Amino acid sequence: MRAALLFVAAALGLPCARTPAVEGVVLSNDAWPRAANLQQCTSEVIRISGLEQVSEAAQGQACFEWLRLFS
């Protein structure tokens, strides 16, 4: 109902209360790799996948899978 009233008010050009836009918000998630550069992204993928103590081949495969998923 409220959405319908706001729609009608906007359609008629009536002034309605607006909240100011939010600025400067940064969202982060520990389960998502930071990708500022390739080295940071690679270390984040290894951390998130829990592959710190495995072979480089397994770490490389995990990085390849992440790159294929999100590119």
N, C-alpha and C. Protein backbone atom coordinates (compact mmCIF):
# COMPACT_ATOMS: atom_id res chain seq x y z
N MET A 1 0.82 -1.19 0.00
CA MET A 1 0.00 0.00 0.00
C MET A 1 0.87 1.27 0.00
N ARG A 2 1.92 1.24 0.85
CA ARG A 2 2.79 2.41 0.94
C ARG A 2 3.51 2.64 -0.39
N ALA A 3 3.92 1.56 -1.02
CA ALA A 3 4.60 1.68 -2.31
C ALA A 3 3.67 2.30 -3.35
N ALA A 4 2.42 1.92 -3.31
CA ALA A 4 1.44 2.47 -4.25
C ALA A 4 1.26 3.97 -4.03
N LEU A 5 1.22 4.39 -2.76
CA LEU A 5 1.07 5.81 -2.46
C LEU A 5 2.29 6.60 -2.92
N LEU A 6 3.47 6.06 -2.70
CA LEU A 6 4.68 6.73 -3.15
C LEU A 6 4.72 6.82 -4.67
N PHE A 7 4.26 5.77 -5.34
CA PHE A 7 4.23 5.78 -6.80
C PHE A 7 3.29 6.87 -7.29
N VAL A 8 2.11 6.98 -6.68
CA VAL A 8 1.13 8.00 -7.08
C VAL A 8 1.70 9.38 -6.80
N ALA A 9 2.33 9.57 -5.64
CA ALA A 9 2.92 10.87 -5.30
C ALA A 9 4.00 11.26 -6.30
N ALA A 10 4.81 10.29 -6.68
CA ALA A 10 5.87 10.56 -7.66
C ALA A 10 5.28 10.87 -9.02
N ALA A 11 4.22 10.15 -9.40
CA ALA A 11 3.61 10.36 -10.70
C ALA A 11 2.95 11.74 -10.78
N LEU A 12 2.41 12.21 -9.67
CA LEU A 12 1.76 13.51 -9.65
C LEU A 12 2.74 14.65 -9.39
N GLY A 13 3.95 14.31 -9.07
CA GLY A 13 4.95 15.35 -8.81
C GLY A 13 4.83 15.94 -7.43
N LEU A 14 4.16 15.25 -6.53
CA LEU A 14 4.03 15.75 -5.17
C LEU A 14 5.34 15.55 -4.41
N PRO A 15 5.68 16.50 -3.56
CA PRO A 15 6.91 16.32 -2.77
C PRO A 15 6.72 15.19 -1.76
N CYS A 16 7.71 14.38 -1.63
CA CYS A 16 7.65 13.32 -0.64
C CYS A 16 9.00 13.26 0.06
N ALA A 17 8.97 12.79 1.28
CA ALA A 17 10.20 12.73 2.08
C ALA A 17 11.15 11.71 1.49
N ARG A 18 12.38 12.16 1.30
CA ARG A 18 13.41 11.25 0.78
C ARG A 18 14.55 11.21 1.76
N THR A 19 15.10 10.06 1.91
CA THR A 19 16.28 9.95 2.75
C THR A 19 17.50 10.27 1.90
N PRO A 20 18.49 10.90 2.49
CA PRO A 20 19.69 11.24 1.71
C PRO A 20 20.43 9.97 1.31
N ALA A 21 21.15 10.07 0.20
CA ALA A 21 21.92 8.92 -0.29
C ALA A 21 23.06 8.62 0.67
N VAL A 22 23.33 7.36 0.85
CA VAL A 22 24.42 6.92 1.70
C VAL A 22 25.70 6.95 0.89
N GLU A 23 26.75 7.52 1.46
CA GLU A 23 28.02 7.61 0.76
C GLU A 23 29.13 7.06 1.64
N GLY A 24 30.17 6.54 1.00
CA GLY A 24 31.35 6.08 1.72
C GLY A 24 31.20 4.73 2.39
N VAL A 25 30.24 3.94 1.99
CA VAL A 25 30.03 2.63 2.60
C VAL A 25 30.92 1.61 1.90
N VAL A 26 31.62 0.81 2.69
CA VAL A 26 32.46 -0.25 2.15
C VAL A 26 31.98 -1.57 2.75
N LEU A 27 31.59 -2.48 1.89
CA LEU A 27 31.16 -3.80 2.34
C LEU A 27 32.31 -4.78 2.16
N SER A 28 32.49 -5.65 3.13
CA SER A 28 33.54 -6.66 2.99
C SER A 28 33.01 -7.98 3.50
N ASN A 29 33.65 -9.04 3.05
CA ASN A 29 33.23 -10.38 3.42
C ASN A 29 34.49 -11.25 3.45
N ASP A 30 34.71 -11.94 4.55
CA ASP A 30 35.90 -12.79 4.68
C ASP A 30 35.85 -14.01 3.76
N ALA A 31 34.69 -14.31 3.21
CA ALA A 31 34.56 -15.47 2.33
C ALA A 31 34.66 -15.09 0.86
N TRP A 32 35.14 -13.90 0.58
CA TRP A 32 35.28 -13.43 -0.80
C TRP A 32 36.67 -12.84 -0.96
N PRO A 33 37.40 -13.21 -1.99
CA PRO A 33 38.79 -12.73 -2.11
C PRO A 33 38.88 -11.25 -2.47
N ARG A 34 39.82 -10.56 -1.83
CA ARG A 34 40.15 -9.19 -2.24
C ARG A 34 40.98 -9.31 -3.50
N ALA A 35 40.72 -8.48 -4.46
CA ALA A 35 41.39 -8.63 -5.75
C ALA A 35 42.06 -7.34 -6.19
N ALA A 36 42.80 -6.71 -5.27
CA ALA A 36 43.50 -5.49 -5.62
C ALA A 36 44.60 -5.77 -6.64
N ASN A 37 45.23 -6.93 -6.51
CA ASN A 37 46.24 -7.36 -7.48
C ASN A 37 46.24 -8.89 -7.51
N LEU A 38 46.97 -9.45 -8.45
CA LEU A 38 46.93 -10.90 -8.64
C LEU A 38 47.52 -11.65 -7.44
N GLN A 39 48.58 -11.12 -6.85
CA GLN A 39 49.19 -11.79 -5.70
C GLN A 39 48.23 -11.83 -4.51
N GLN A 40 47.56 -10.74 -4.24
CA GLN A 40 46.61 -10.70 -3.14
C GLN A 40 45.42 -11.62 -3.41
N CYS A 41 44.93 -11.62 -4.62
CA CYS A 41 43.81 -12.48 -4.98
C CYS A 41 44.18 -13.95 -4.81
N THR A 42 45.38 -14.31 -5.26
CA THR A 42 45.84 -15.70 -5.15
C THR A 42 45.95 -16.13 -3.69
N SER A 43 46.53 -15.29 -2.85
CA SER A 43 46.67 -15.66 -1.44
C SER A 43 45.30 -15.73 -0.76
N GLU A 44 44.37 -14.88 -1.16
CA GLU A 44 43.02 -14.93 -0.60
C GLU A 44 42.29 -16.21 -1.01
N VAL A 45 42.43 -16.61 -2.26
CA VAL A 45 41.79 -17.85 -2.73
C VAL A 45 42.34 -19.04 -1.96
N ILE A 46 43.64 -19.07 -1.74
CA ILE A 46 44.26 -20.17 -1.00
C ILE A 46 43.75 -20.17 0.44
N ARG A 47 43.64 -18.98 1.06
CA ARG A 47 43.14 -18.88 2.44
C ARG A 47 41.70 -19.34 2.54
N ILE A 48 40.85 -18.85 1.65
CA ILE A 48 39.43 -19.19 1.70
C ILE A 48 39.21 -20.67 1.44
N SER A 49 40.00 -21.24 0.54
CA SER A 49 39.86 -22.66 0.21
C SER A 49 40.46 -23.57 1.28
N GLY A 50 41.22 -22.98 2.22
CA GLY A 50 41.84 -23.78 3.27
C GLY A 50 43.00 -24.62 2.77
N LEU A 51 43.75 -24.10 1.80
CA LEU A 51 44.81 -24.88 1.16
C LEU A 51 46.21 -24.36 1.49
N GLU A 52 46.38 -23.79 2.69
CA GLU A 52 47.70 -23.26 3.04
C GLU A 52 48.75 -24.35 3.18
N GLN A 53 48.35 -25.55 3.59
CA GLN A 53 49.31 -26.62 3.91
C GLN A 53 49.34 -27.73 2.86
N VAL A 54 48.96 -27.44 1.63
CA VAL A 54 48.97 -28.47 0.58
C VAL A 54 50.00 -28.10 -0.48
N SER A 55 50.15 -28.95 -1.46
CA SER A 55 51.15 -28.73 -2.50
C SER A 55 50.81 -27.52 -3.37
N GLU A 56 51.83 -27.02 -4.05
CA GLU A 56 51.61 -25.90 -4.96
C GLU A 56 50.69 -26.28 -6.11
N ALA A 57 50.73 -27.54 -6.51
CA ALA A 57 49.85 -28.00 -7.59
C ALA A 57 48.39 -27.87 -7.17
N ALA A 58 48.07 -28.27 -5.94
CA ALA A 58 46.70 -28.17 -5.45
C ALA A 58 46.28 -26.70 -5.30
N GLN A 59 47.21 -25.86 -4.84
CA GLN A 59 46.92 -24.43 -4.73
C GLN A 59 46.69 -23.82 -6.10
N GLY A 60 47.50 -24.19 -7.07
CA GLY A 60 47.34 -23.69 -8.42
C GLY A 60 46.02 -24.12 -9.04
N GLN A 61 45.62 -25.36 -8.76
CA GLN A 61 44.34 -25.84 -9.28
C GLN A 61 43.18 -25.06 -8.68
N ALA A 62 43.24 -24.76 -7.38
CA ALA A 62 42.19 -23.98 -6.73
C ALA A 62 42.10 -22.59 -7.34
N CYS A 63 43.25 -21.96 -7.57
CA CYS A 63 43.25 -20.62 -8.19
C CYS A 63 42.67 -20.67 -9.59
N PHE A 64 43.01 -21.70 -10.34
CA PHE A 64 42.48 -21.85 -11.70
C PHE A 64 40.96 -22.01 -11.66
N GLU A 65 40.46 -22.81 -10.72
CA GLU A 65 39.01 -23.01 -10.61
C GLU A 65 38.29 -21.71 -10.27
N TRP A 66 38.86 -20.92 -9.33
CA TRP A 66 38.25 -19.64 -8.97
C TRP A 66 38.26 -18.69 -10.16
N LEU A 67 39.35 -18.64 -10.90
CA LEU A 67 39.41 -17.76 -12.06
C LEU A 67 38.41 -18.17 -13.13
N ARG A 68 38.23 -19.46 -13.31
CA ARG A 68 37.25 -19.94 -14.29
C ARG A 68 35.82 -19.63 -13.84
N LEU A 69 35.57 -19.72 -12.54
CA LEU A 69 34.22 -19.46 -12.04
C LEU A 69 33.82 -17.99 -12.21
N PHE A 70 34.77 -17.08 -11.99
CA PHE A 70 34.42 -15.68 -11.91
C PHE A 70 35.01 -14.84 -13.03
N SER A 71 35.27 -15.45 -14.17
CA SER A 71 35.74 -14.64 -15.30
C SER A 71 34.93 -14.94 -16.54
